[in-house]
Amino acid sequence: MEFVAKRSINLPISDLMDLEFHLFETRPGVKLDAFINDLLKRWLAVEKERLALLRNGPALRGYQWKNVFLPEGTNLRTSYHRTTEFAKVTGDRILSDDGASLTPSLFANRHTKGRNAWRFIWLRFPGEEYWVHALDCRANSDQLLQRRTGRILQFDAEAV
């Protein structure tokens, strides 16, 4: 076992106890130190990804799904009968955890048929902390396009 330097930090005991009791009820066997360490690593990875995006601008590569652009690094999630699967946009393709290249429809229908991918896929964009329903992204994109189209038509009418 290799040595790992550690440093103590001061946190309110009531918050630590609340977390420890919550872990005891929901995740028996998970140690508080290991959980906090994992939580910190995940948060830091998301935060670094978010800051890199802000500094470097929007991704140039990604997957165009109808009217929604999924930039490289976007995570996709779907579930079927208590089995959750993940995929990620890499380059201009969607790759599943097992490395298969998929369309959103194929991803949503890997274990069944006839599912509408917009309704069964959740997205987590690079630098974001929360998952967003694909159907909501599509609706927001449609609204933005309608606003832009409305402004362009309004501008053209005024110019004539």
N, C-alpha and C. Protein backbone atom coordinates (compact mmCIF):
# COMPACT_ATOMS: atom_id res chain seq x y z
N MET A 1 0.84 -1.17 0.00
CA MET A 1 0.00 0.00 0.00
C MET A 1 0.89 1.24 0.00
N GLU A 2 0.58 2.18 -0.88
CA GLU A 2 1.43 3.36 -0.97
C GLU A 2 0.90 4.48 -0.07
N PHE A 3 1.82 5.32 0.37
CA PHE A 3 1.49 6.42 1.26
C PHE A 3 0.79 7.53 0.48
N VAL A 4 -0.29 8.05 1.05
CA VAL A 4 -1.02 9.18 0.47
C VAL A 4 -1.06 10.26 1.55
N ALA A 5 -0.46 11.40 1.24
CA ALA A 5 -0.46 12.49 2.21
C ALA A 5 -1.89 13.02 2.36
N LYS A 6 -2.28 13.30 3.58
CA LYS A 6 -3.63 13.79 3.85
C LYS A 6 -3.56 15.02 4.74
N ARG A 7 -4.63 15.81 4.66
CA ARG A 7 -4.73 17.01 5.47
C ARG A 7 -6.15 17.07 6.02
N SER A 8 -6.27 17.41 7.27
CA SER A 8 -7.61 17.50 7.85
C SER A 8 -8.23 18.85 7.51
N ILE A 9 -9.55 18.85 7.42
CA ILE A 9 -10.29 20.09 7.19
C ILE A 9 -11.38 20.17 8.25
N ASN A 10 -11.80 21.37 8.55
CA ASN A 10 -12.81 21.58 9.59
C ASN A 10 -14.17 21.79 8.94
N LEU A 11 -15.08 20.89 9.26
CA LEU A 11 -16.46 20.98 8.78
C LEU A 11 -17.39 20.89 9.98
N PRO A 12 -18.56 21.48 9.89
CA PRO A 12 -19.51 21.37 11.00
C PRO A 12 -19.87 19.91 11.28
N ILE A 13 -19.76 19.51 12.52
CA ILE A 13 -20.02 18.12 12.91
C ILE A 13 -21.45 17.72 12.59
N SER A 14 -22.40 18.66 12.69
CA SER A 14 -23.79 18.32 12.41
C SER A 14 -23.97 17.92 10.93
N ASP A 15 -23.27 18.61 10.03
CA ASP A 15 -23.35 18.26 8.60
C ASP A 15 -22.72 16.91 8.33
N LEU A 16 -21.59 16.65 8.97
CA LEU A 16 -20.93 15.35 8.79
C LEU A 16 -21.77 14.21 9.33
N MET A 17 -22.39 14.41 10.48
CA MET A 17 -23.24 13.37 11.07
C MET A 17 -24.47 13.13 10.18
N ASP A 18 -25.06 14.20 9.68
CA ASP A 18 -26.21 14.08 8.79
C ASP A 18 -25.83 13.26 7.55
N LEU A 19 -24.67 13.56 6.97
CA LEU A 19 -24.21 12.81 5.81
C LEU A 19 -23.93 11.35 6.17
N GLU A 20 -23.30 11.13 7.29
CA GLU A 20 -22.97 9.76 7.71
C GLU A 20 -24.22 8.92 7.93
N PHE A 21 -25.24 9.49 8.56
CA PHE A 21 -26.50 8.77 8.77
C PHE A 21 -27.20 8.50 7.43
N HIS A 22 -27.14 9.49 6.55
CA HIS A 22 -27.74 9.31 5.22
C HIS A 22 -27.04 8.17 4.47
N LEU A 23 -25.72 8.14 4.50
CA LEU A 23 -24.98 7.06 3.84
C LEU A 23 -25.29 5.72 4.48
N PHE A 24 -25.42 5.68 5.79
CA PHE A 24 -25.73 4.44 6.49
C PHE A 24 -27.06 3.87 6.02
N GLU A 25 -28.06 4.76 5.80
CA GLU A 25 -29.39 4.32 5.37
C GLU A 25 -29.45 3.98 3.88
N THR A 26 -28.75 4.75 3.05
CA THR A 26 -28.89 4.60 1.60
C THR A 26 -27.77 3.80 0.95
N ARG A 27 -26.59 3.82 1.54
CA ARG A 27 -25.44 3.12 0.96
C ARG A 27 -24.64 2.43 2.06
N PRO A 28 -25.18 1.38 2.64
CA PRO A 28 -24.47 0.72 3.74
C PRO A 28 -23.10 0.22 3.27
N GLY A 29 -22.13 0.39 4.12
CA GLY A 29 -20.78 -0.08 3.80
C GLY A 29 -19.90 0.99 3.18
N VAL A 30 -20.48 2.10 2.74
CA VAL A 30 -19.68 3.18 2.16
C VAL A 30 -19.11 4.01 3.30
N LYS A 31 -17.80 4.19 3.28
CA LYS A 31 -17.13 4.98 4.31
C LYS A 31 -17.22 6.47 4.00
N LEU A 32 -17.39 7.28 5.03
CA LEU A 32 -17.55 8.72 4.88
C LEU A 32 -16.36 9.34 4.16
N ASP A 33 -15.13 8.99 4.56
CA ASP A 33 -13.93 9.57 3.93
C ASP A 33 -13.87 9.26 2.44
N ALA A 34 -14.14 8.01 2.09
CA ALA A 34 -14.08 7.60 0.68
C ALA A 34 -15.17 8.31 -0.12
N PHE A 35 -16.36 8.45 0.47
CA PHE A 35 -17.46 9.11 -0.23
C PHE A 35 -17.14 10.58 -0.48
N ILE A 36 -16.66 11.28 0.53
CA ILE A 36 -16.33 12.70 0.38
C ILE A 36 -15.20 12.87 -0.63
N ASN A 37 -14.22 11.99 -0.60
CA ASN A 37 -13.11 12.06 -1.56
C ASN A 37 -13.62 11.88 -2.99
N ASP A 38 -14.49 10.90 -3.19
CA ASP A 38 -15.06 10.65 -4.52
C ASP A 38 -15.91 11.84 -4.97
N LEU A 39 -16.71 12.37 -4.06
CA LEU A 39 -17.56 13.53 -4.35
C LEU A 39 -16.72 14.73 -4.77
N LEU A 40 -15.64 14.97 -4.06
CA LEU A 40 -14.76 16.09 -4.36
C LEU A 40 -14.11 15.91 -5.74
N LYS A 41 -13.66 14.70 -6.05
CA LYS A 41 -13.03 14.44 -7.36
C LYS A 41 -14.03 14.66 -8.50
N ARG A 42 -15.26 14.19 -8.32
CA ARG A 42 -16.27 14.37 -9.37
C ARG A 42 -16.59 15.85 -9.58
N TRP A 43 -16.78 16.57 -8.48
CA TRP A 43 -17.08 18.00 -8.59
C TRP A 43 -15.94 18.74 -9.28
N LEU A 44 -14.71 18.43 -8.90
CA LEU A 44 -13.55 19.11 -9.47
C LEU A 44 -13.43 18.82 -10.97
N ALA A 45 -13.72 17.59 -11.38
CA ALA A 45 -13.66 17.24 -12.81
C ALA A 45 -14.69 18.03 -13.61
N VAL A 46 -15.91 18.13 -13.09
CA VAL A 46 -16.97 18.89 -13.77
C VAL A 46 -16.61 20.37 -13.81
N GLU A 47 -16.09 20.89 -12.71
CA GLU A 47 -15.73 22.31 -12.64
C GLU A 47 -14.59 22.64 -13.61
N LYS A 48 -13.58 21.78 -13.69
CA LYS A 48 -12.48 22.01 -14.63
C LYS A 48 -12.97 21.96 -16.07
N GLU A 49 -13.87 21.02 -16.35
CA GLU A 49 -14.45 20.90 -17.69
C GLU A 49 -15.25 22.16 -18.05
N ARG A 50 -16.02 22.66 -17.10
CA ARG A 50 -16.82 23.86 -17.31
C ARG A 50 -15.92 25.08 -17.58
N LEU A 51 -14.87 25.24 -16.78
CA LEU A 51 -13.96 26.37 -16.97
C LEU A 51 -13.20 26.27 -18.28
N ALA A 52 -12.81 25.06 -18.66
CA ALA A 52 -12.12 24.89 -19.94
C ALA A 52 -13.02 25.29 -21.10
N LEU A 53 -14.29 24.96 -21.00
CA LEU A 53 -15.25 25.35 -22.03
C LEU A 53 -15.39 26.87 -22.11
N LEU A 54 -15.45 27.51 -20.95
CA LEU A 54 -15.58 28.96 -20.93
C LEU A 54 -14.35 29.64 -21.55
N ARG A 55 -13.18 29.09 -21.28
CA ARG A 55 -11.94 29.69 -21.80
C ARG A 55 -11.77 29.42 -23.29
N ASN A 56 -12.09 28.22 -23.72
CA ASN A 56 -11.82 27.82 -25.10
C ASN A 56 -12.98 28.04 -26.04
N GLY A 57 -14.12 28.46 -25.53
CA GLY A 57 -15.29 28.66 -26.38
C GLY A 57 -16.00 27.34 -26.63
N PRO A 58 -17.04 27.40 -27.43
CA PRO A 58 -17.83 26.19 -27.67
C PRO A 58 -17.04 25.15 -28.47
N ALA A 59 -17.43 23.90 -28.29
CA ALA A 59 -16.77 22.81 -28.99
C ALA A 59 -17.00 22.92 -30.49
N LEU A 60 -16.01 22.56 -31.25
CA LEU A 60 -16.15 22.57 -32.70
C LEU A 60 -16.65 21.24 -33.21
N ARG A 61 -16.45 20.20 -32.43
CA ARG A 61 -16.89 18.88 -32.84
C ARG A 61 -18.08 18.47 -31.99
N GLY A 62 -18.87 17.56 -32.54
CA GLY A 62 -20.03 17.08 -31.80
C GLY A 62 -20.97 16.34 -32.73
N TYR A 63 -22.14 16.05 -32.22
CA TYR A 63 -23.14 15.29 -32.96
C TYR A 63 -24.39 16.16 -33.13
N GLN A 64 -24.85 16.30 -34.38
CA GLN A 64 -26.06 17.07 -34.66
C GLN A 64 -27.24 16.11 -34.65
N TRP A 65 -28.12 16.29 -33.67
CA TRP A 65 -29.31 15.44 -33.53
C TRP A 65 -30.51 16.32 -33.85
N LYS A 66 -30.98 16.20 -35.08
CA LYS A 66 -32.07 17.04 -35.59
C LYS A 66 -31.71 18.51 -35.33
N ASN A 67 -32.47 19.20 -34.46
CA ASN A 67 -32.20 20.61 -34.22
C ASN A 67 -31.40 20.86 -32.94
N VAL A 68 -30.89 19.81 -32.31
CA VAL A 68 -30.11 19.95 -31.07
C VAL A 68 -28.67 19.52 -31.35
N PHE A 69 -27.72 20.41 -31.06
CA PHE A 69 -26.31 20.08 -31.23
C PHE A 69 -25.76 19.58 -29.91
N LEU A 70 -25.14 18.39 -29.94
CA LEU A 70 -24.52 17.80 -28.76
C LEU A 70 -23.02 17.97 -28.90
N PRO A 71 -22.42 18.91 -28.19
CA PRO A 71 -20.98 19.12 -28.33
C PRO A 71 -20.19 17.92 -27.81
N GLU A 72 -18.97 17.80 -28.31
CA GLU A 72 -18.11 16.70 -27.87
C GLU A 72 -18.00 16.74 -26.34
N GLY A 73 -18.13 15.57 -25.72
CA GLY A 73 -18.08 15.48 -24.27
C GLY A 73 -19.46 15.39 -23.63
N THR A 74 -20.53 15.55 -24.42
CA THR A 74 -21.88 15.43 -23.88
C THR A 74 -22.13 13.98 -23.48
N ASN A 75 -22.69 13.77 -22.29
CA ASN A 75 -23.04 12.44 -21.82
C ASN A 75 -24.52 12.18 -22.08
N LEU A 76 -24.84 10.94 -22.46
CA LEU A 76 -26.22 10.52 -22.67
C LEU A 76 -26.54 9.40 -21.69
N ARG A 77 -27.78 9.38 -21.21
CA ARG A 77 -28.20 8.35 -20.27
C ARG A 77 -29.59 7.88 -20.63
N THR A 78 -29.82 6.58 -20.55
CA THR A 78 -31.15 6.01 -20.72
C THR A 78 -31.27 4.82 -19.79
N SER A 79 -32.48 4.42 -19.53
CA SER A 79 -32.66 3.24 -18.68
C SER A 79 -33.82 2.41 -19.20
N TYR A 80 -33.75 1.12 -18.89
CA TYR A 80 -34.79 0.18 -19.27
C TYR A 80 -34.82 -0.92 -18.22
N HIS A 81 -35.96 -1.10 -17.59
CA HIS A 81 -36.14 -2.10 -16.53
C HIS A 81 -35.01 -2.05 -15.50
N ARG A 82 -34.82 -0.90 -14.89
CA ARG A 82 -33.85 -0.69 -13.82
C ARG A 82 -32.40 -0.85 -14.25
N THR A 83 -32.13 -0.90 -15.53
CA THR A 83 -30.77 -0.94 -16.04
C THR A 83 -30.48 0.40 -16.70
N THR A 84 -29.49 1.09 -16.19
CA THR A 84 -29.13 2.39 -16.73
C THR A 84 -27.89 2.24 -17.59
N GLU A 85 -27.94 2.86 -18.77
CA GLU A 85 -26.80 2.83 -19.69
C GLU A 85 -26.36 4.24 -20.01
N PHE A 86 -25.08 4.36 -20.33
CA PHE A 86 -24.50 5.66 -20.64
C PHE A 86 -23.79 5.61 -21.97
N ALA A 87 -23.71 6.76 -22.61
CA ALA A 87 -22.95 6.93 -23.84
C ALA A 87 -22.36 8.33 -23.80
N LYS A 88 -21.42 8.60 -24.69
CA LYS A 88 -20.77 9.90 -24.70
C LYS A 88 -20.48 10.31 -26.13
N VAL A 89 -20.62 11.62 -26.39
CA VAL A 89 -20.27 12.15 -27.71
C VAL A 89 -18.76 12.29 -27.75
N THR A 90 -18.15 11.55 -28.67
CA THR A 90 -16.71 11.59 -28.87
C THR A 90 -16.46 11.93 -30.33
N GLY A 91 -15.81 13.06 -30.55
CA GLY A 91 -15.65 13.53 -31.93
C GLY A 91 -17.00 13.90 -32.48
N ASP A 92 -17.40 13.22 -33.54
CA ASP A 92 -18.73 13.48 -34.13
C ASP A 92 -19.62 12.25 -34.05
N ARG A 93 -19.33 11.37 -33.09
CA ARG A 93 -20.13 10.14 -32.92
C ARG A 93 -20.57 9.98 -31.47
N ILE A 94 -21.61 9.19 -31.31
CA ILE A 94 -22.07 8.81 -29.97
C ILE A 94 -21.56 7.39 -29.73
N LEU A 95 -20.76 7.23 -28.67
CA LEU A 95 -20.20 5.92 -28.35
C LEU A 95 -20.75 5.43 -27.02
N SER A 96 -21.20 4.17 -27.01
CA SER A 96 -21.70 3.58 -25.78
C SER A 96 -20.51 3.18 -24.90
N ASP A 97 -20.82 2.76 -23.68
CA ASP A 97 -19.76 2.32 -22.77
C ASP A 97 -18.95 1.15 -23.33
N ASP A 98 -19.59 0.32 -24.16
CA ASP A 98 -18.87 -0.82 -24.73
C ASP A 98 -18.18 -0.46 -26.05
N GLY A 99 -18.22 0.82 -26.45
CA GLY A 99 -17.50 1.27 -27.64
C GLY A 99 -18.29 1.25 -28.92
N ALA A 100 -19.55 0.83 -28.87
CA ALA A 100 -20.37 0.78 -30.08
C ALA A 100 -20.79 2.19 -30.49
N SER A 101 -20.74 2.46 -31.80
CA SER A 101 -21.17 3.74 -32.34
C SER A 101 -22.68 3.67 -32.55
N LEU A 102 -23.42 4.65 -32.01
CA LEU A 102 -24.88 4.59 -32.01
C LEU A 102 -25.49 5.91 -32.46
N THR A 103 -26.71 5.82 -32.94
CA THR A 103 -27.55 7.01 -33.10
C THR A 103 -28.36 7.13 -31.81
N PRO A 104 -28.97 8.27 -31.55
CA PRO A 104 -29.81 8.36 -30.35
C PRO A 104 -30.92 7.31 -30.32
N SER A 105 -31.53 7.02 -31.47
CA SER A 105 -32.59 6.02 -31.53
C SER A 105 -32.06 4.63 -31.18
N LEU A 106 -30.90 4.27 -31.72
CA LEU A 106 -30.32 2.96 -31.40
C LEU A 106 -29.96 2.88 -29.91
N PHE A 107 -29.47 3.99 -29.36
CA PHE A 107 -29.12 4.02 -27.94
C PHE A 107 -30.35 3.80 -27.06
N ALA A 108 -31.45 4.47 -27.38
CA ALA A 108 -32.68 4.34 -26.59
C ALA A 108 -33.33 2.98 -26.75
N ASN A 109 -33.06 2.30 -27.87
CA ASN A 109 -33.74 1.03 -28.18
C ASN A 109 -32.81 -0.18 -28.16
N ARG A 110 -31.74 -0.13 -27.39
CA ARG A 110 -30.79 -1.26 -27.35
C ARG A 110 -31.41 -2.53 -26.78
N HIS A 111 -32.35 -2.40 -25.85
CA HIS A 111 -32.93 -3.57 -25.20
C HIS A 111 -34.42 -3.74 -25.47
N THR A 112 -34.96 -2.89 -26.31
CA THR A 112 -36.38 -2.96 -26.65
C THR A 112 -36.57 -2.27 -27.98
N LYS A 113 -37.80 -2.18 -28.44
CA LYS A 113 -38.08 -1.52 -29.72
C LYS A 113 -39.21 -0.52 -29.55
N GLY A 114 -39.23 0.48 -30.42
CA GLY A 114 -40.35 1.40 -30.49
C GLY A 114 -40.30 2.58 -29.53
N ARG A 115 -39.17 2.79 -28.87
CA ARG A 115 -39.08 3.92 -27.94
C ARG A 115 -38.61 5.17 -28.68
N ASN A 116 -39.24 6.28 -28.36
CA ASN A 116 -38.86 7.57 -28.94
C ASN A 116 -37.66 8.09 -28.16
N ALA A 117 -36.53 8.26 -28.83
CA ALA A 117 -35.29 8.65 -28.16
C ALA A 117 -35.43 9.98 -27.42
N TRP A 118 -36.20 10.91 -27.97
CA TRP A 118 -36.39 12.21 -27.31
C TRP A 118 -36.99 12.03 -25.92
N ARG A 119 -37.81 11.02 -25.75
CA ARG A 119 -38.50 10.81 -24.47
C ARG A 119 -37.71 9.96 -23.48
N PHE A 120 -36.75 9.18 -23.98
CA PHE A 120 -36.06 8.24 -23.10
C PHE A 120 -34.58 8.53 -22.89
N ILE A 121 -34.10 9.65 -23.41
CA ILE A 121 -32.69 10.01 -23.24
C ILE A 121 -32.58 11.29 -22.43
N TRP A 122 -31.63 11.27 -21.51
CA TRP A 122 -31.27 12.45 -20.72
C TRP A 122 -29.86 12.85 -21.13
N LEU A 123 -29.59 14.15 -21.10
CA LEU A 123 -28.30 14.69 -21.55
C LEU A 123 -27.63 15.47 -20.43
N ARG A 124 -26.31 15.34 -20.37
CA ARG A 124 -25.51 16.20 -19.48
C ARG A 124 -24.42 16.81 -20.35
N PHE A 125 -24.59 18.10 -20.62
CA PHE A 125 -23.66 18.80 -21.50
C PHE A 125 -22.34 19.05 -20.78
N PRO A 126 -21.24 19.19 -21.54
CA PRO A 126 -19.93 19.42 -20.92
C PRO A 126 -19.96 20.65 -20.02
N GLY A 127 -19.40 20.50 -18.84
CA GLY A 127 -19.33 21.60 -17.90
C GLY A 127 -20.59 21.80 -17.08
N GLU A 128 -21.62 21.02 -17.35
CA GLU A 128 -22.87 21.14 -16.60
C GLU A 128 -22.92 20.07 -15.52
N GLU A 129 -23.62 20.38 -14.46
CA GLU A 129 -23.71 19.46 -13.33
C GLU A 129 -24.96 18.60 -13.40
N TYR A 130 -26.01 19.08 -14.07
CA TYR A 130 -27.31 18.41 -14.04
C TYR A 130 -27.66 17.77 -15.38
N TRP A 131 -28.47 16.72 -15.30
CA TRP A 131 -29.00 16.05 -16.48
C TRP A 131 -30.24 16.80 -16.95
N VAL A 132 -30.42 16.89 -18.28
CA VAL A 132 -31.55 17.56 -18.88
C VAL A 132 -32.25 16.57 -19.81
N HIS A 133 -33.56 16.56 -19.77
CA HIS A 133 -34.34 15.67 -20.63
C HIS A 133 -34.16 16.11 -22.09
N ALA A 134 -33.89 15.19 -22.99
CA ALA A 134 -33.67 15.52 -24.39
C ALA A 134 -34.86 16.24 -25.01
N LEU A 135 -36.06 15.86 -24.61
CA LEU A 135 -37.27 16.49 -25.13
C LEU A 135 -37.32 17.98 -24.76
N ASP A 136 -36.85 18.31 -23.56
CA ASP A 136 -36.79 19.72 -23.14
C ASP A 136 -35.77 20.49 -23.97
N CYS A 137 -34.64 19.87 -24.27
CA CYS A 137 -33.62 20.52 -25.12
C CYS A 137 -34.19 20.79 -26.50
N ARG A 138 -34.94 19.83 -27.02
CA ARG A 138 -35.54 20.00 -28.34
C ARG A 138 -36.55 21.14 -28.34
N ALA A 139 -37.37 21.21 -27.30
CA ALA A 139 -38.38 22.27 -27.21
C ALA A 139 -37.72 23.63 -27.08
N ASN A 140 -36.67 23.72 -26.27
CA ASN A 140 -35.95 24.99 -26.11
C ASN A 140 -35.30 25.41 -27.41
N SER A 141 -34.75 24.46 -28.15
CA SER A 141 -34.13 24.76 -29.43
C SER A 141 -35.17 25.25 -30.44
N ASP A 142 -36.35 24.63 -30.43
CA ASP A 142 -37.44 25.06 -31.32
C ASP A 142 -37.88 26.48 -31.00
N GLN A 143 -37.99 26.79 -29.72
CA GLN A 143 -38.41 28.13 -29.31
C GLN A 143 -37.38 29.17 -29.74
N LEU A 144 -36.10 28.86 -29.57
CA LEU A 144 -35.04 29.77 -29.97
C LEU A 144 -35.08 30.01 -31.48
N LEU A 145 -35.28 28.95 -32.25
CA LEU A 145 -35.35 29.07 -33.71
C LEU A 145 -36.55 29.92 -34.12
N GLN A 146 -37.69 29.73 -33.46
CA GLN A 146 -38.88 30.53 -33.78
C GLN A 146 -38.65 32.00 -33.47
N ARG A 147 -37.99 32.29 -32.34
CA ARG A 147 -37.70 33.68 -32.01
C ARG A 147 -36.76 34.29 -33.04
N ARG A 148 -35.73 33.53 -33.45
CA ARG A 148 -34.78 34.05 -34.45
C ARG A 148 -35.48 34.27 -35.79
N THR A 149 -36.29 33.31 -36.21
CA THR A 149 -37.01 33.41 -37.48
C THR A 149 -37.98 34.59 -37.44
N GLY A 150 -38.66 34.77 -36.32
CA GLY A 150 -39.60 35.88 -36.17
C GLY A 150 -38.89 37.22 -36.28
N ARG A 151 -37.71 37.32 -35.68
CA ARG A 151 -36.95 38.57 -35.75
C ARG A 151 -36.47 38.84 -37.17
N ILE A 152 -36.04 37.78 -37.86
CA ILE A 152 -35.55 37.97 -39.22
C ILE A 152 -36.70 38.42 -40.13
N LEU A 153 -37.87 37.77 -40.01
CA LEU A 153 -39.02 38.16 -40.83
C LEU A 153 -39.46 39.58 -40.49
N GLN A 154 -39.43 39.93 -39.22
CA GLN A 154 -39.81 41.27 -38.81
C GLN A 154 -38.85 42.29 -39.39
N PHE A 155 -37.56 41.98 -39.36
CA PHE A 155 -36.53 42.87 -39.89
C PHE A 155 -36.70 43.05 -41.39
N ASP A 156 -36.96 41.95 -42.12
CA ASP A 156 -37.15 42.03 -43.56
C ASP A 156 -38.38 42.86 -43.91
N ALA A 157 -39.45 42.74 -43.13
CA ALA A 157 -40.68 43.51 -43.42
C ALA A 157 -40.42 45.00 -43.24
N GLU A 158 -39.62 45.35 -42.24
CA GLU A 158 -39.31 46.75 -42.01
C GLU A 158 -38.41 47.31 -43.10
N ALA A 159 -37.54 46.49 -43.64
CA ALA A 159 -36.59 46.94 -44.66
C ALA A 159 -37.28 47.23 -45.99
N VAL A 160 -38.42 46.56 -46.26
CA VAL A 160 -39.11 46.73 -47.54
C VAL A 160 -39.91 47.97 -47.60
